[in-house]
Amino acid sequence: MNASGFNPPCGENEVPYIEFVPAPPSSGLSGKASCDGVRNGYCYTSDGESFRITFELEKANRQLGLPKGVNCATENGITPGVCQAFTQ
């Protein structure tokens, strides 16, 4: 991966999978999703077997039952609120 997109595994002369790497929104979020001190619209963590994506919504999503603000996605689904930390 580089600033111009994701290169395919076959070589540099192939068409990239994603032409542009998306950036998080620069406004409308309160910065509650954070990892390693970086406040952002989303945050990804993993323990090598499971994953947590903490993300922030600008508006509630009633169809999914998610409120405006911080929510969590894991391999088990999407839930309201901050993701639980991995235990050691």
PDB file of N, CA and C in Angstrom:
ATOM      1  N   MET A   1       0.838  -1.164   0.000  1.00  0.00           N
ATOM      2  CA  MET A   1       0.000   0.000   0.000  1.00  0.00           C
ATOM      3  C   MET A   1       0.890   1.235   0.000  1.00  0.00           C
ATOM      4  N   ASN A   2       0.455   2.242  -0.741  1.00  0.00           N
ATOM      5  CA  ASN A   2       1.136   3.526  -0.699  1.00  0.00           C
ATOM      6  C   ASN A   2       0.091   4.619  -0.875  1.00  0.00           C
ATOM      7  N   ALA A   3       0.522   5.858  -0.933  1.00  0.00           N
ATOM      8  CA  ALA A   3      -0.419   6.979  -0.991  1.00  0.00           C
ATOM      9  C   ALA A   3      -1.293   6.957  -2.242  1.00  0.00           C
ATOM     10  N   SER A   4      -0.858   6.237  -3.280  1.00  0.00           N
ATOM     11  CA  SER A   4      -1.651   6.214  -4.512  1.00  0.00           C
ATOM     12  C   SER A   4      -2.611   5.028  -4.569  1.00  0.00           C
ATOM     13  N   GLY A   5      -2.653   4.202  -3.553  1.00  0.00           N
ATOM     14  CA  GLY A   5      -3.607   3.096  -3.531  1.00  0.00           C
ATOM     15  C   GLY A   5      -2.979   1.783  -3.116  1.00  0.00           C
ATOM     16  N   PHE A   6      -3.741   0.707  -3.266  1.00  0.00           N
ATOM     17  CA  PHE A   6      -3.286  -0.627  -2.920  1.00  0.00           C
ATOM     18  C   PHE A   6      -2.844  -1.334  -4.184  1.00  0.00           C
ATOM     19  N   ASN A   7      -1.577  -1.740  -4.242  1.00  0.00           N
ATOM     20  CA  ASN A   7      -1.074  -2.443  -5.410  1.00  0.00           C
ATOM     21  C   ASN A   7      -1.440  -3.918  -5.344  1.00  0.00           C
ATOM     22  N   PRO A   8      -1.727  -4.544  -6.478  1.00  0.00           N
ATOM     23  CA  PRO A   8      -2.016  -5.979  -6.489  1.00  0.00           C
ATOM     24  C   PRO A   8      -0.748  -6.777  -6.214  1.00  0.00           C
ATOM     25  N   PRO A   9      -0.881  -8.031  -5.774  1.00  0.00           N
ATOM     26  CA  PRO A   9       0.294  -8.833  -5.429  1.00  0.00           C
ATOM     27  C   PRO A   9       1.126  -9.252  -6.637  1.00  0.00           C
ATOM     28  N   CYS A  10       0.599  -9.114  -7.847  1.00  0.00           N
ATOM     29  CA  CYS A  10       1.288  -9.624  -9.038  1.00  0.00           C
ATOM     30  C   CYS A  10       2.406  -8.713  -9.530  1.00  0.00           C
ATOM     31  N   GLY A  11       2.352  -7.454  -9.246  1.00  0.00           N
ATOM     32  CA  GLY A  11       3.418  -6.574  -9.707  1.00  0.00           C
ATOM     33  C   GLY A  11       3.016  -5.122  -9.761  1.00  0.00           C
ATOM     34  N   GLU A  12       4.020  -4.302  -9.940  1.00  0.00           N
ATOM     35  CA  GLU A  12       3.806  -2.854  -9.937  1.00  0.00           C
ATOM     36  C   GLU A  12       3.084  -2.362 -11.192  1.00  0.00           C
ATOM     37  N   ASN A  13       3.083  -3.131 -12.271  1.00  0.00           N
ATOM     38  CA  ASN A  13       2.479  -2.666 -13.524  1.00  0.00           C
ATOM     39  C   ASN A  13       0.988  -2.971 -13.625  1.00  0.00           C
ATOM     40  N   GLU A  14       0.435  -3.619 -12.620  1.00  0.00           N
ATOM     41  CA  GLU A  14      -0.977  -3.966 -12.618  1.00  0.00           C
ATOM     42  C   GLU A  14      -1.824  -2.798 -12.108  1.00  0.00           C
ATOM     43  N   VAL A  15      -3.110  -2.842 -12.396  1.00  0.00           N
ATOM     44  CA  VAL A  15      -4.040  -1.816 -11.919  1.00  0.00           C
ATOM     45  C   VAL A  15      -4.272  -2.009 -10.420  1.00  0.00           C
ATOM     46  N   PRO A  16      -4.242  -0.931  -9.610  1.00  0.00           N
ATOM     47  CA  PRO A  16      -4.453  -1.092  -8.160  1.00  0.00           C
ATOM     48  C   PRO A  16      -5.873  -1.534  -7.832  1.00  0.00           C
ATOM     49  N   TYR A  17      -6.021  -2.227  -6.689  1.00  0.00           N
ATOM     50  CA  TYR A  17      -7.346  -2.639  -6.219  1.00  0.00           C
ATOM     51  C   TYR A  17      -8.195  -1.421  -5.886  1.00  0.00           C
ATOM     52  N   ILE A  18      -7.604  -0.500  -5.156  1.00  0.00           N
ATOM     53  CA  ILE A  18      -8.295   0.726  -4.767  1.00  0.00           C
ATOM     54  C   ILE A  18      -7.451   1.876  -5.300  1.00  0.00           C
ATOM     55  N   GLU A  19      -8.058   2.696  -6.123  1.00  0.00           N
ATOM     56  CA  GLU A  19      -7.287   3.758  -6.757  1.00  0.00           C
ATOM     57  C   GLU A  19      -6.791   4.806  -5.759  1.00  0.00           C
ATOM     58  N   PHE A  20      -7.649   5.192  -4.793  1.00  0.00           N
ATOM     59  CA  PHE A  20      -7.271   6.180  -3.788  1.00  0.00           C
ATOM     60  C   PHE A  20      -7.560   5.633  -2.399  1.00  0.00           C
ATOM     61  N   VAL A  21      -6.657   5.862  -1.478  1.00  0.00           N
ATOM     62  CA  VAL A  21      -6.854   5.447  -0.104  1.00  0.00           C
ATOM     63  C   VAL A  21      -7.752   6.494   0.561  1.00  0.00           C
ATOM     64  N   PRO A  22      -8.929   6.098   1.096  1.00  0.00           N
ATOM     65  CA  PRO A  22      -9.822   7.081   1.705  1.00  0.00           C
ATOM     66  C   PRO A  22      -9.246   7.658   2.987  1.00  0.00           C
ATOM     67  N   ALA A  23      -9.618   8.897   3.244  1.00  0.00           N
ATOM     68  CA  ALA A  23      -9.203   9.571   4.479  1.00  0.00           C
ATOM     69  C   ALA A  23     -10.424   9.755   5.361  1.00  0.00           C
ATOM     70  N   PRO A  24     -10.243   9.776   6.679  1.00  0.00           N
ATOM     71  CA  PRO A  24     -11.384   9.997   7.561  1.00  0.00           C
ATOM     72  C   PRO A  24     -11.930  11.407   7.383  1.00  0.00           C
ATOM     73  N   PRO A  25     -13.194  11.619   7.711  1.00  0.00           N
ATOM     74  CA  PRO A  25     -13.766  12.959   7.588  1.00  0.00           C
ATOM     75  C   PRO A  25     -13.025  13.948   8.479  1.00  0.00           C
ATOM     76  N   SER A  26     -12.943  15.187   8.015  1.00  0.00           N
ATOM     77  CA  SER A  26     -12.218  16.191   8.786  1.00  0.00           C
ATOM     78  C   SER A  26     -13.133  17.037   9.659  1.00  0.00           C
ATOM     79  N   SER A  27     -14.449  16.872   9.532  1.00  0.00           N
ATOM     80  CA  SER A  27     -15.368  17.635  10.377  1.00  0.00           C
ATOM     81  C   SER A  27     -16.603  16.798  10.679  1.00  0.00           C
ATOM     82  N   GLY A  28     -17.392  17.226  11.659  1.00  0.00           N
ATOM     83  CA  GLY A  28     -18.636  16.544  11.987  1.00  0.00           C
ATOM     84  C   GLY A  28     -18.509  15.461  13.035  1.00  0.00           C
ATOM     85  N   LEU A  29     -17.284  15.113  13.429  1.00  0.00           N
ATOM     86  CA  LEU A  29     -17.069  14.082  14.432  1.00  0.00           C
ATOM     87  C   LEU A  29     -16.447  14.708  15.668  1.00  0.00           C
ATOM     88  N   SER A  30     -16.700  14.106  16.815  1.00  0.00           N
ATOM     89  CA  SER A  30     -16.156  14.669  18.045  1.00  0.00           C
ATOM     90  C   SER A  30     -14.839  14.024  18.464  1.00  0.00           C
ATOM     91  N   GLY A  31     -14.300  13.109  17.663  1.00  0.00           N
ATOM     92  CA  GLY A  31     -12.991  12.528  17.948  1.00  0.00           C
ATOM     93  C   GLY A  31     -12.970  11.556  19.101  1.00  0.00           C
ATOM     94  N   LYS A  32     -14.070  10.855  19.353  1.00  0.00           N
ATOM     95  CA  LYS A  32     -14.129   9.928  20.486  1.00  0.00           C
ATOM     96  C   LYS A  32     -13.525   8.566  20.170  1.00  0.00           C
ATOM     97  N   ALA A  33     -13.399   8.220  18.882  1.00  0.00           N
ATOM     98  CA  ALA A  33     -12.763   6.962  18.518  1.00  0.00           C
ATOM     99  C   ALA A  33     -11.262   7.206  18.481  1.00  0.00           C
ATOM    100  N   SER A  34     -10.509   6.510  19.311  1.00  0.00           N
ATOM    101  CA  SER A  34      -9.072   6.759  19.341  1.00  0.00           C
ATOM    102  C   SER A  34      -8.289   5.487  19.621  1.00  0.00           C
ATOM    103  N   CYS A  35      -7.095   5.429  19.060  1.00  0.00           N
ATOM    104  CA  CYS A  35      -6.124   4.361  19.302  1.00  0.00           C
ATOM    105  C   CYS A  35      -4.763   5.019  19.433  1.00  0.00           C
ATOM    106  N   ASP A  36      -3.969   4.570  20.336  1.00  0.00           N
ATOM    107  CA  ASP A  36      -2.599   5.056  20.486  1.00  0.00           C
ATOM    108  C   ASP A  36      -2.520   6.576  20.510  1.00  0.00           C
ATOM    109  N   GLY A  37      -3.524   7.225  21.099  1.00  0.00           N
ATOM    110  CA  GLY A  37      -3.506   8.667  21.223  1.00  0.00           C
ATOM    111  C   GLY A  37      -3.928   9.429  19.978  1.00  0.00           C
ATOM    112  N   VAL A  38      -4.268   8.722  18.887  1.00  0.00           N
ATOM    113  CA  VAL A  38      -4.706   9.379  17.660  1.00  0.00           C
ATOM    114  C   VAL A  38      -6.228   9.398  17.652  1.00  0.00           C
ATOM    115  N   ARG A  39      -6.818  10.582  17.645  1.00  0.00           N
ATOM    116  CA  ARG A  39      -8.277  10.715  17.635  1.00  0.00           C
ATOM    117  C   ARG A  39      -8.724  10.817  16.181  1.00  0.00           C
ATOM    118  N   ASN A  40      -9.709  10.013  15.812  1.00  0.00           N
ATOM    119  CA  ASN A  40     -10.071   9.881  14.417  1.00  0.00           C
ATOM    120  C   ASN A  40     -11.529   9.508  14.290  1.00  0.00           C
ATOM    121  N   GLY A  41     -12.001   9.273  13.078  1.00  0.00           N
ATOM    122  CA  GLY A  41     -13.357   8.799  12.845  1.00  0.00           C
ATOM    123  C   GLY A  41     -13.494   7.297  13.086  1.00  0.00           C
ATOM    124  N   TYR A  42     -12.361   6.589  13.129  1.00  0.00           N
ATOM    125  CA  TYR A  42     -12.381   5.146  13.365  1.00  0.00           C
ATOM    126  C   TYR A  42     -11.033   4.710  13.908  1.00  0.00           C
ATOM    127  N   CYS A  43     -10.991   3.498  14.450  1.00  0.00           N
ATOM    128  CA  CYS A  43      -9.770   2.958  15.036  1.00  0.00           C
ATOM    129  C   CYS A  43      -9.835   1.432  14.946  1.00  0.00           C
ATOM    130  N   TYR A  44      -8.795   0.794  14.425  1.00  0.00           N
ATOM    131  CA  TYR A  44      -8.751  -0.658  14.273  1.00  0.00           C
ATOM    132  C   TYR A  44      -7.702  -1.244  15.209  1.00  0.00           C
ATOM    133  N   THR A  45      -8.078  -2.278  15.958  1.00  0.00           N
ATOM    134  CA  THR A  45      -7.129  -3.010  16.786  1.00  0.00           C
ATOM    135  C   THR A  45      -7.360  -4.514  16.612  1.00  0.00           C
ATOM    136  N   SER A  46      -6.327  -5.295  16.862  1.00  0.00           N
ATOM    137  CA  SER A  46      -6.429  -6.750  16.726  1.00  0.00           C
ATOM    138  C   SER A  46      -5.459  -7.411  17.694  1.00  0.00           C
ATOM    139  N   ASP A  47      -5.833  -8.613  18.134  1.00  0.00           N
ATOM    140  CA  ASP A  47      -4.918  -9.407  18.955  1.00  0.00           C
ATOM    141  C   ASP A  47      -4.335 -10.561  18.148  1.00  0.00           C
ATOM    142  N   GLY A  48      -4.530 -10.540  16.835  1.00  0.00           N
ATOM    143  CA  GLY A  48      -4.031 -11.591  15.958  1.00  0.00           C
ATOM    144  C   GLY A  48      -5.078 -12.646  15.641  1.00  0.00           C
ATOM    145  N   GLU A  49      -6.124 -12.720  16.447  1.00  0.00           N
ATOM    146  CA  GLU A  49      -7.203 -13.678  16.217  1.00  0.00           C
ATOM    147  C   GLU A  49      -8.557 -12.997  16.070  1.00  0.00           C
ATOM    148  N   SER A  50      -8.740 -11.890  16.762  1.00  0.00           N
ATOM    149  CA  SER A  50      -9.991 -11.138  16.736  1.00  0.00           C
ATOM    150  C   SER A  50      -9.682  -9.688  16.386  1.00  0.00           C
ATOM    151  N   PHE A  51     -10.720  -8.944  16.028  1.00  0.00           N
ATOM    152  CA  PHE A  51     -10.517  -7.536  15.715  1.00  0.00           C
ATOM    153  C   PHE A  51     -11.565  -6.669  16.394  1.00  0.00           C
ATOM    154  N   ARG A  52     -11.255  -5.413  16.532  1.00  0.00           N
ATOM    155  CA  ARG A  52     -12.164  -4.393  17.051  1.00  0.00           C
ATOM    156  C   ARG A  52     -12.036  -3.166  16.166  1.00  0.00           C
ATOM    157  N   ILE A  53     -13.140  -2.653  15.678  1.00  0.00           N
ATOM    158  CA  ILE A  53     -13.149  -1.389  14.953  1.00  0.00           C
ATOM    159  C   ILE A  53     -14.070  -0.454  15.717  1.00  0.00           C
ATOM    160  N   THR A  54     -13.496   0.535  16.366  1.00  0.00           N
ATOM    161  CA  THR A  54     -14.267   1.565  17.035  1.00  0.00           C
ATOM    162  C   THR A  54     -14.479   2.657  16.011  1.00  0.00           C
ATOM    163  N   PHE A  55     -15.717   3.062  15.799  1.00  0.00           N
ATOM    164  CA  PHE A  55     -15.995   4.077  14.788  1.00  0.00           C
ATOM    165  C   PHE A  55     -17.043   5.046  15.306  1.00  0.00           C
ATOM    166  N   GLU A  56     -17.032   6.228  14.741  1.00  0.00           N
ATOM    167  CA  GLU A  56     -17.943   7.270  15.180  1.00  0.00           C
ATOM    168  C   GLU A  56     -18.892   7.643  14.040  1.00  0.00           C
ATOM    169  N   LEU A  57     -20.185   7.706  14.356  1.00  0.00           N
ATOM    170  CA  LEU A  57     -21.190   8.094  13.375  1.00  0.00           C
ATOM    171  C   LEU A  57     -21.606   9.547  13.595  1.00  0.00           C
ATOM    172  N   GLU A  58     -21.782  10.273  12.488  1.00  0.00           N
ATOM    173  CA  GLU A  58     -22.248  11.658  12.572  1.00  0.00           C
ATOM    174  C   GLU A  58     -23.726  11.725  12.927  1.00  0.00           C
ATOM    175  N   LYS A  59     -24.485  10.689  12.522  1.00  0.00           N
ATOM    176  CA  LYS A  59     -25.928  10.621  12.793  1.00  0.00           C
ATOM    177  C   LYS A  59     -26.277   9.201  13.225  1.00  0.00           C
ATOM    178  N   ALA A  60     -27.353   9.055  13.971  1.00  0.00           N
ATOM    179  CA  ALA A  60     -27.812   7.723  14.386  1.00  0.00           C
ATOM    180  C   ALA A  60     -28.254   6.915  13.164  1.00  0.00           C
ATOM    181  N   ASN A  61     -28.093   5.600  13.232  1.00  0.00           N
ATOM    182  CA  ASN A  61     -28.577   4.700  12.189  1.00  0.00           C
ATOM    183  C   ASN A  61     -29.645   3.829  12.823  1.00  0.00           C
ATOM    184  N   ARG A  62     -30.892   4.210  12.651  1.00  0.00           N
ATOM    185  CA  ARG A  62     -32.003   3.498  13.308  1.00  0.00           C
ATOM    186  C   ARG A  62     -32.171   2.076  12.798  1.00  0.00           C
ATOM    187  N   GLN A  63     -31.889   1.823  11.519  1.00  0.00           N
ATOM    188  CA  GLN A  63     -32.030   0.471  10.964  1.00  0.00           C
ATOM    189  C   GLN A  63     -31.096  -0.511  11.662  1.00  0.00           C
ATOM    190  N   LEU A  64     -29.910  -0.048  12.032  1.00  0.00           N
ATOM    191  CA  LEU A  64     -28.946  -0.909  12.717  1.00  0.00           C
ATOM    192  C   LEU A  64     -29.000  -0.760  14.231  1.00  0.00           C
ATOM    193  N   GLY A  65     -29.787   0.198  14.712  1.00  0.00           N
ATOM    194  CA  GLY A  65     -29.881   0.421  16.143  1.00  0.00           C
ATOM    195  C   GLY A  65     -28.631   1.059  16.726  1.00  0.00           C
ATOM    196  N   LEU A  66     -27.936   1.867  15.919  1.00  0.00           N
ATOM    197  CA  LEU A  66     -26.700   2.493  16.366  1.00  0.00           C
ATOM    198  C   LEU A  66     -26.924   3.981  16.610  1.00  0.00           C
ATOM    199  N   PRO A  67     -26.463   4.477  17.744  1.00  0.00           N
ATOM    200  CA  PRO A  67     -26.630   5.896  18.048  1.00  0.00           C
ATOM    201  C   PRO A  67     -25.570   6.754  17.360  1.00  0.00           C
ATOM    202  N   LYS A  68     -25.821   8.050  17.325  1.00  0.00           N
ATOM    203  CA  LYS A  68     -24.802   9.008  16.915  1.00  0.00           C
ATOM    204  C   LYS A  68     -23.650   8.888  17.913  1.00  0.00           C
ATOM    205  N   GLY A  69     -22.444   8.951  17.443  1.00  0.00           N
ATOM    206  CA  GLY A  69     -21.284   8.849  18.323  1.00  0.00           C
ATOM    207  C   GLY A  69     -20.548   7.544  18.138  1.00  0.00           C
ATOM    208  N   VAL A  70     -19.933   7.052  19.201  1.00  0.00           N
ATOM    209  CA  VAL A  70     -19.038   5.893  19.137  1.00  0.00           C
ATOM    210  C   VAL A  70     -19.810   4.574  19.116  1.00  0.00           C
ATOM    211  N   ASN A  71     -19.369   3.650  18.240  1.00  0.00           N
ATOM    212  CA  ASN A  71     -19.930   2.312  18.109  1.00  0.00           C
ATOM    213  C   ASN A  71     -18.784   1.337  17.865  1.00  0.00           C
ATOM    214  N   CYS A  72     -19.098   0.044  17.885  1.00  0.00           N
ATOM    215  CA  CYS A  72     -18.061  -0.985  17.806  1.00  0.00           C
ATOM    216  C   CYS A  72     -18.438  -2.086  16.818  1.00  0.00           C
ATOM    217  N   ALA A  73     -17.473  -2.483  15.985  1.00  0.00           N
ATOM    218  CA  ALA A  73     -17.649  -3.625  15.084  1.00  0.00           C
ATOM    219  C   ALA A  73     -16.607  -4.680  15.444  1.00  0.00           C
ATOM    220  N   THR A  74     -17.060  -5.941  15.556  1.00  0.00           N
ATOM    221  CA  THR A  74     -16.160  -7.073  15.812  1.00  0.00           C
ATOM    222  C   THR A  74     -16.560  -8.200  14.886  1.00  0.00           C
ATOM    223  N   GLU A  75     -15.872  -9.314  14.989  1.00  0.00           N
ATOM    224  CA  GLU A  75     -16.234 -10.484  14.185  1.00  0.00           C
ATOM    225  C   GLU A  75     -17.619 -11.014  14.557  1.00  0.00           C
ATOM    226  N   ASN A  76     -18.152 -10.565  15.692  1.00  0.00           N
ATOM    227  CA  ASN A  76     -19.474 -11.008  16.144  1.00  0.00           C
ATOM    228  C   ASN A  76     -20.608 -10.055  15.765  1.00  0.00           C
ATOM    229  N   GLY A  77     -20.274  -8.910  15.167  1.00  0.00           N
ATOM    230  CA  GLY A  77     -21.304  -7.965  14.759  1.00  0.00           C
ATOM    231  C   GLY A  77     -20.992  -6.538  15.178  1.00  0.00           C
ATOM    232  N   ILE A  78     -22.010  -5.673  15.079  1.00  0.00           N
ATOM    233  CA  ILE A  78     -21.866  -4.259  15.398  1.00  0.00           C
ATOM    234  C   ILE A  78     -22.743  -3.937  16.603  1.00  0.00           C
ATOM    235  N   THR A  79     -22.171  -3.221  17.582  1.00  0.00           N
ATOM    236  CA  THR A  79     -22.898  -2.871  18.789  1.00  0.00           C
ATOM    237  C   THR A  79     -22.675  -1.398  19.129  1.00  0.00           C
ATOM    238  N   PRO A  80     -23.642  -0.793  19.843  1.00  0.00           N
ATOM    239  CA  PRO A  80     -23.452   0.589  20.278  1.00  0.00           C
ATOM    240  C   PRO A  80     -22.370   0.674  21.347  1.00  0.00           C
ATOM    241  N   GLY A  81     -21.676   1.796  21.385  1.00  0.00           N
ATOM    242  CA  GLY A  81     -20.689   2.046  22.433  1.00  0.00           C
ATOM    243  C   GLY A  81     -19.267   1.705  22.034  1.00  0.00           C
ATOM    244  N   VAL A  82     -18.366   1.969  22.957  1.00  0.00           N
ATOM    245  CA  VAL A  82     -16.931   1.752  22.760  1.00  0.00           C
ATOM    246  C   VAL A  82     -16.618   0.249  22.787  1.00  0.00           C
ATOM    247  N   CYS A  83     -15.702  -0.187  21.958  1.00  0.00           N
ATOM    248  CA  CYS A  83     -15.268  -1.592  21.960  1.00  0.00           C
ATOM    249  C   CYS A  83     -14.566  -1.938  23.268  1.00  0.00           C
ATOM    250  N   GLN A  84     -14.768  -3.165  23.719  1.00  0.00           N
ATOM    251  CA  GLN A  84     -14.065  -3.661  24.898  1.00  0.00           C
ATOM    252  C   GLN A  84     -12.593  -3.915  24.538  1.00  0.00           C
ATOM    253  N   ALA A  85     -11.709  -3.623  25.462  1.00  0.00           N
ATOM    254  CA  ALA A  85     -10.288  -3.871  25.245  1.00  0.00           C
ATOM    255  C   ALA A  85     -10.020  -5.374  25.240  1.00  0.00           C
ATOM    256  N   PHE A  86      -8.954  -5.786  24.568  1.00  0.00           N
ATOM    257  CA  PHE A  86      -8.549  -7.180  24.610  1.00  0.00           C
ATOM    258  C   PHE A  86      -7.961  -7.478  25.972  1.00  0.00           C
ATOM    259  N   THR A  87      -8.265  -8.652  26.517  1.00  0.00           N
ATOM    260  CA  THR A  87      -7.696  -9.070  27.802  1.00  0.00           C
ATOM    261  C   THR A  87      -6.503  -9.972  27.542  1.00  0.00           C
ATOM    262  N   GLN A  88      -5.571  -9.926  28.461  1.00  0.00           N
ATOM    263  CA  GLN A  88      -4.355 -10.745  28.272  1.00  0.00           C
ATOM    264  C   GLN A  88      -4.306 -11.878  29.241  1.00  0.00           C
TER     265      GLN A  88
END
